[in-house]
């Protein structure tokens, strides 16, 4: 069937049904959500509200980052009439988004929401990458938690290659996630040994397993307790990219310099940096321990005081 009602006001279907005015009228559709490589060629009805998510049905496509927006759009459609969600066949991409919506709305695990949709539209089959993203969404309690280790690894796995585009990517993500400068907590911070400029904090560290670092979707990353896991490497200082690095990201690899005194403090390679333990961290932002001081920080009113 070209479409199915998943629950009252939420329909899941294919590309052809989304362009069929008779179907849209029959179902009282007020909102159309398209997850496809191209938007609908023309708006079928001028009084409808449209949302377009550019996405391929591939393992390396990020839908997780869109869930907040798609959830809001589907909910609005439900409340004002009905929302029709589609990709090309209504099997993988659009099914993933509808499953995420049900997970968030009813606080369901992935398997529960998947079977709810499967019961109404038997042909659905999100690809393995989308399934892993839905399971991560479940682990984060149905919202994006940018401090979650597994989410960080997911994000940089999908978007690390975009860093060499420069300031645009920093403005859209990094500048909103400079956690070490805003969180009200005490923990170690790392500063330049030469000038004492604070460069990053403990929560910016990206852990990795010794010798053979598993991909972000590996179950070992779930509920990771860094301090209690003997399989984690203790040799390298690898961190997530931070806003002060923007002037260094002019190619896929290079050196990292302290923004204060300009002394070299590390190096980066967007394609990966090998650690002494044998694992490769992708993307790799690695600091030289001999160039860093590990300090205790006390935060008062968003100011960092090292001691």
Protein backbone atom coordinates (compact mmCIF):
# COMPACT_ATOMS: atom_id res chain seq x y z
CA UNK A 1 0.00 0.00 0.00
CA UNK A 2 1.23 3.50 -0.80
CA UNK A 3 0.35 4.80 2.68
CA UNK A 4 -0.70 3.63 6.15
CA UNK A 5 -2.14 5.33 9.22
CA UNK A 6 0.32 4.79 12.09
CA UNK A 7 -1.85 6.52 14.67
CA UNK A 8 -4.52 9.17 14.53
CA UNK A 9 -3.17 12.10 12.51
CA UNK A 10 0.13 10.43 11.50
CA UNK A 11 0.47 8.77 8.10
CA UNK A 12 3.51 7.05 6.63
CA UNK A 13 3.80 6.48 2.89
CA UNK A 14 5.72 6.80 -0.34
CA UNK A 15 6.66 9.61 -2.69
CA UNK A 16 3.77 9.08 -5.10
CA UNK A 17 1.12 9.24 -2.39
CA UNK A 18 2.62 12.51 -1.09
CA UNK A 19 1.96 14.05 -4.52
CA UNK A 20 -1.55 12.67 -4.94
CA UNK A 21 -4.03 15.44 -4.16
CA UNK A 22 -6.91 12.98 -3.79
CA UNK A 23 -4.97 11.08 -1.08
CA UNK A 24 -4.08 14.27 0.76
CA UNK A 25 -7.71 15.42 0.71
CA UNK A 26 -9.01 12.02 1.81
CA UNK A 27 -6.68 11.94 4.80
CA UNK A 28 -7.22 15.60 5.75
CA UNK A 29 -3.46 16.24 5.49
CA UNK A 30 -2.28 19.64 6.69
CA UNK A 31 1.48 18.90 6.96
CA UNK A 32 3.85 17.01 4.65
CA UNK A 33 7.29 15.91 5.87
CA UNK A 34 9.66 14.85 3.09
CA UNK A 35 12.88 12.93 3.86
CA UNK A 36 14.48 12.48 0.47
CA UNK A 37 17.34 13.68 -1.75
CA UNK A 38 15.01 16.19 -3.42
CA UNK A 39 11.95 18.09 -2.20
CA UNK A 40 8.57 17.73 -3.84
CA UNK A 41 8.73 19.34 -7.29
CA UNK A 42 5.77 21.54 -6.55
CA UNK A 43 3.44 22.21 -3.69
CA UNK A 44 0.33 20.16 -4.36
CA UNK A 45 -1.93 22.36 -2.24
CA UNK A 46 -1.01 25.90 -1.24
CA UNK A 47 -2.67 25.64 2.15
CA UNK A 48 -0.40 22.78 3.32
CA UNK A 49 2.70 23.19 5.46
CA UNK A 50 5.86 21.50 4.16
CA UNK A 51 9.15 20.41 5.71
CA UNK A 52 12.07 18.95 3.76
CA UNK A 53 14.98 16.94 5.21
CA UNK A 54 17.72 16.27 2.62
CA UNK A 55 18.83 12.69 3.23
CA UNK A 56 20.04 9.59 1.42
CA UNK A 57 19.08 6.09 2.55
CA UNK A 58 22.66 5.21 3.50
CA UNK A 59 24.57 4.13 6.61
CA UNK A 60 26.44 7.45 6.73
CA UNK A 61 23.34 9.68 6.77
CA UNK A 62 22.58 11.55 9.99
CA UNK A 63 18.87 11.64 10.85
CA UNK A 64 19.36 11.77 14.62
CA UNK A 65 20.25 15.47 14.53
CA UNK A 66 16.87 16.19 12.89
CA UNK A 67 14.66 14.35 15.38
CA UNK A 68 13.84 17.40 17.51
CA UNK A 69 12.65 19.35 14.45
CA UNK A 70 10.75 16.45 12.90
CA UNK A 71 9.07 15.61 16.21
CA UNK A 72 7.79 19.18 16.52
CA UNK A 73 6.57 19.22 12.93
CA UNK A 74 4.70 15.91 13.20
CA UNK A 75 3.15 16.94 16.52
CA UNK A 76 1.95 20.23 15.03
CA UNK A 77 0.46 18.34 12.11
CA UNK A 78 -1.37 15.97 14.45
CA UNK A 79 -2.81 18.84 16.44
CA UNK A 80 -3.92 20.90 13.43
CA UNK A 81 -5.09 18.07 11.18
CA UNK A 82 -2.78 15.30 10.01
CA UNK A 83 0.85 14.86 8.99
CA UNK A 84 1.98 12.75 6.02
CA UNK A 85 5.59 11.53 6.40
CA UNK A 86 7.34 10.05 3.39
CA UNK A 87 10.64 9.29 1.69
CA UNK A 88 10.75 7.42 -1.65
CA UNK A 89 9.22 4.09 -0.66
CA UNK A 90 8.16 4.82 2.94
CA UNK A 91 10.38 2.03 4.22
CA UNK A 92 13.62 3.34 5.78
CA UNK A 93 14.14 7.10 6.13
CA UNK A 94 10.56 8.17 6.83
CA UNK A 95 9.96 5.10 9.00
CA UNK A 96 12.98 6.09 11.11
CA UNK A 97 11.57 9.57 11.71
CA UNK A 98 8.13 8.23 12.66
CA UNK A 99 9.67 5.69 15.04
CA UNK A 100 11.67 8.50 16.68
CA UNK A 101 8.47 10.52 17.07
CA UNK A 102 6.67 7.69 18.85
CA UNK A 103 9.71 7.01 21.05
CA UNK A 104 9.79 10.63 22.15
CA UNK A 105 6.03 11.03 22.57
CA UNK A 106 5.46 7.87 24.59
CA UNK A 107 8.98 7.39 26.00
CA UNK A 108 9.34 4.02 24.32
CA UNK A 109 12.43 1.95 23.65
CA UNK A 110 13.41 1.47 20.01
CA UNK A 111 12.00 -2.06 19.78
CA UNK A 112 8.60 -1.03 21.15
CA UNK A 113 8.22 1.91 18.76
CA UNK A 114 9.53 -0.14 15.83
CA UNK A 115 6.91 -2.83 16.36
CA UNK A 116 4.17 -0.20 16.71
CA UNK A 117 4.99 1.10 13.24
CA UNK A 118 5.69 -2.36 11.81
CA UNK A 119 2.23 -3.51 12.89
CA UNK A 120 0.63 -0.72 10.83
CA UNK A 121 3.08 -0.75 7.88
CA UNK A 122 4.65 -4.16 7.54
CA UNK A 123 7.21 -3.18 4.87
CA UNK A 124 9.28 -0.80 7.04
CA UNK A 125 12.98 -1.54 7.48
CA UNK A 126 15.29 1.28 8.66
CA UNK A 127 18.87 0.65 7.52
CA UNK A 128 21.44 -0.44 10.12
CA UNK A 129 22.79 3.09 10.54
CA UNK A 130 19.34 4.48 11.31
CA UNK A 131 18.64 1.63 13.74
CA UNK A 132 21.83 2.46 15.63
CA UNK A 133 20.84 6.14 15.78
CA UNK A 134 17.42 5.23 17.18
CA UNK A 135 19.04 3.07 19.86
CA UNK A 136 21.37 5.94 20.77
CA UNK A 137 18.31 8.21 20.93
CA UNK A 138 16.79 5.77 23.39
CA UNK A 139 19.97 5.73 25.50
CA UNK A 140 19.89 9.54 25.66
CA UNK A 141 16.29 9.42 26.94
CA UNK A 142 14.69 10.73 23.74
CA UNK A 143 16.63 13.99 23.44
CA UNK A 144 20.01 15.14 22.17
CA UNK A 145 22.60 15.12 24.94
CA UNK A 146 25.75 16.73 23.54
CA UNK A 147 27.72 15.66 26.63
CA UNK A 148 27.04 11.97 26.02
CA UNK A 149 30.25 10.18 24.99
CA UNK A 150 28.53 7.96 22.45
CA UNK A 151 26.75 10.96 20.91
CA UNK A 152 30.05 12.82 20.58
CA UNK A 153 31.57 9.84 18.80
CA UNK A 154 28.52 9.59 16.55
CA UNK A 155 28.58 13.30 15.74
CA UNK A 156 32.24 13.43 14.80
CA UNK A 157 32.00 10.19 12.85
CA UNK A 158 29.31 11.75 10.66
CA UNK A 159 30.43 15.37 10.57
CA UNK A 160 34.16 15.42 11.25
CA UNK A 161 34.96 15.55 7.55
CA UNK A 162 33.10 18.85 7.32
CA UNK A 163 35.51 20.63 9.66
CA UNK A 164 37.81 21.69 6.83
CA UNK A 165 34.98 23.90 5.54
CA UNK A 166 36.06 26.32 8.26
CA UNK A 167 34.10 28.88 10.23
CA UNK A 168 30.58 27.81 9.11
CA UNK A 169 30.71 24.50 10.95
CA UNK A 170 32.13 26.17 14.05
CA UNK A 171 29.36 28.75 14.11
CA UNK A 172 26.64 26.12 13.81
CA UNK A 173 27.94 23.69 16.40
CA UNK A 174 31.17 24.46 18.27
CA UNK A 175 30.27 27.93 19.51
CA UNK A 176 27.15 26.46 21.14
CA UNK A 177 29.07 23.66 22.83
CA UNK A 178 31.99 25.30 24.61
CA UNK A 179 31.12 23.40 27.78
CA UNK A 180 34.30 23.91 29.80
CA UNK A 181 33.71 27.65 29.98
CA UNK A 182 30.09 27.61 31.11
CA UNK A 183 29.38 24.61 33.35
CA UNK A 184 29.14 25.20 37.07
CA UNK A 185 31.26 22.34 38.39
CA UNK A 186 34.74 21.53 39.63
CA UNK A 187 36.95 19.14 37.68
CA UNK A 188 40.43 19.04 36.07
CA UNK A 189 41.16 21.49 33.30
CA UNK A 190 44.11 21.43 30.92
CA UNK A 191 46.13 24.53 30.21
CA UNK A 192 49.09 25.51 28.06
CA UNK A 193 52.23 24.90 30.12
CA UNK A 194 53.90 28.02 28.73
CA UNK A 195 51.21 30.67 29.34
CA UNK A 196 48.64 28.83 31.52
CA UNK A 197 45.81 29.52 29.07
CA UNK A 198 42.98 27.03 29.75
CA UNK A 199 42.43 25.06 26.53
CA UNK A 200 39.98 22.30 27.48
CA UNK A 201 38.42 20.40 30.36
CA UNK A 202 37.90 16.78 31.30
CA UNK A 203 34.45 16.61 29.70
CA UNK A 204 36.01 17.52 26.34
CA UNK A 205 38.17 14.39 26.32
CA UNK A 206 37.23 11.69 23.81
CA UNK A 207 38.10 8.26 25.24
CA UNK A 208 39.07 5.33 23.05
CA UNK A 209 39.65 1.62 23.54
CA UNK A 210 43.13 0.20 23.34
CA UNK A 211 44.47 -1.26 20.07
CA UNK A 212 41.17 -1.62 18.21
CA UNK A 213 38.86 1.31 18.82
CA UNK A 214 35.23 0.25 18.11
CA UNK A 215 32.82 2.40 16.03
CA UNK A 216 30.40 4.72 17.81
CA UNK A 217 27.51 2.25 17.59
CA UNK A 218 29.37 -0.53 19.40
CA UNK A 219 27.54 -1.61 22.58
CA UNK A 220 30.68 -1.02 24.67
CA UNK A 221 30.08 2.72 24.46
CA UNK A 222 26.68 2.46 26.13
CA UNK A 223 26.67 3.64 29.75
CA UNK A 224 30.43 4.01 29.59
CA UNK A 225 32.15 4.55 32.93
CA UNK A 226 35.49 5.94 31.81
CA UNK A 227 37.24 5.76 35.18
CA UNK A 228 36.26 2.12 35.75
CA UNK A 229 36.92 0.66 32.31
CA UNK A 230 40.28 -1.10 32.06
CA UNK A 231 39.94 -1.51 28.30
CA UNK A 232 40.22 2.24 27.71
CA UNK A 233 43.54 3.76 26.68
CA UNK A 234 45.22 6.01 29.24
CA UNK A 235 48.09 7.17 27.02
CA UNK A 236 46.76 9.90 24.74
CA UNK A 237 45.06 13.26 25.19
CA UNK A 238 42.41 13.26 22.47
CA UNK A 239 39.58 15.80 22.62
CA UNK A 240 36.60 16.98 20.62
CA UNK A 241 37.16 20.09 18.45
CA UNK A 242 36.56 23.40 20.25
CA UNK A 243 35.87 26.96 19.05
CA UNK A 244 39.37 28.32 19.71
CA UNK A 245 40.73 25.90 17.08
CA UNK A 246 38.91 27.65 14.24
CA UNK A 247 42.00 29.41 12.91
CA UNK A 248 43.90 26.12 12.78
CA UNK A 249 41.30 24.24 10.73
CA UNK A 250 42.39 25.31 7.26
CA UNK A 251 43.11 21.82 5.93
CA UNK A 252 42.41 18.20 6.84
CA UNK A 253 45.50 17.97 9.02
CA UNK A 254 47.91 20.31 10.76
CA UNK A 255 49.29 21.58 14.06
CA UNK A 256 47.41 23.03 17.02
CA UNK A 257 48.72 26.21 18.60
CA UNK A 258 47.80 27.89 21.86
CA UNK A 259 45.54 30.86 20.97
CA UNK A 260 47.28 32.95 23.65
CA UNK A 261 51.04 32.44 23.26
CA UNK A 262 51.00 30.65 19.87
CA UNK A 263 53.16 27.78 21.08
CA UNK A 264 52.54 24.35 19.52
CA UNK A 265 50.44 22.18 21.83
CA UNK A 266 49.33 19.33 19.58
CA UNK A 267 48.19 18.24 16.13
CA UNK A 268 45.07 17.14 14.30
CA UNK A 269 44.04 14.97 11.37
CA UNK A 270 40.41 14.76 10.33
CA UNK A 271 41.04 11.32 8.83
CA UNK A 272 42.44 10.00 12.11
CA UNK A 273 45.43 10.17 14.44
CA UNK A 274 47.11 6.92 15.60
CA UNK A 275 47.64 6.53 19.34
CA UNK A 276 50.61 4.78 20.92
CA UNK A 277 48.23 2.02 22.00
CA UNK A 278 47.61 1.06 18.38
CA UNK A 279 44.12 2.52 17.95
CA UNK A 280 43.25 5.30 15.52
CA UNK A 281 41.01 8.13 16.74
CA UNK A 282 38.80 9.71 14.04
CA UNK A 283 38.77 12.66 13.78
CA UNK A 284 41.97 13.05 15.76
CA UNK A 285 42.70 16.14 17.87
CA UNK A 286 45.68 15.13 19.97
CA UNK A 287 47.63 17.16 22.55
CA UNK A 288 51.22 16.65 23.67
CA UNK A 289 51.11 15.90 27.39
CA UNK A 290 54.50 17.54 28.01
CA UNK A 291 53.06 20.82 26.69
CA UNK A 292 50.05 20.74 29.03
CA UNK A 293 49.37 21.33 32.74
CA UNK A 294 46.51 19.48 34.42
CA UNK A 295 44.88 21.77 36.98
CA UNK A 296 41.92 21.74 39.33
CA UNK A 297 39.26 24.25 38.38
CA UNK A 298 36.68 26.06 40.47
CA UNK A 299 33.87 27.76 38.57
CA UNK A 300 32.13 30.74 40.10
CA UNK A 301 29.51 32.66 38.09
CA UNK A 302 30.72 31.22 34.77
CA UNK A 303 34.34 32.17 35.44
CA UNK A 304 37.11 29.59 35.47
CA UNK A 305 39.60 29.87 38.33
CA UNK A 306 42.52 27.41 38.24
CA UNK A 307 44.49 26.36 41.25
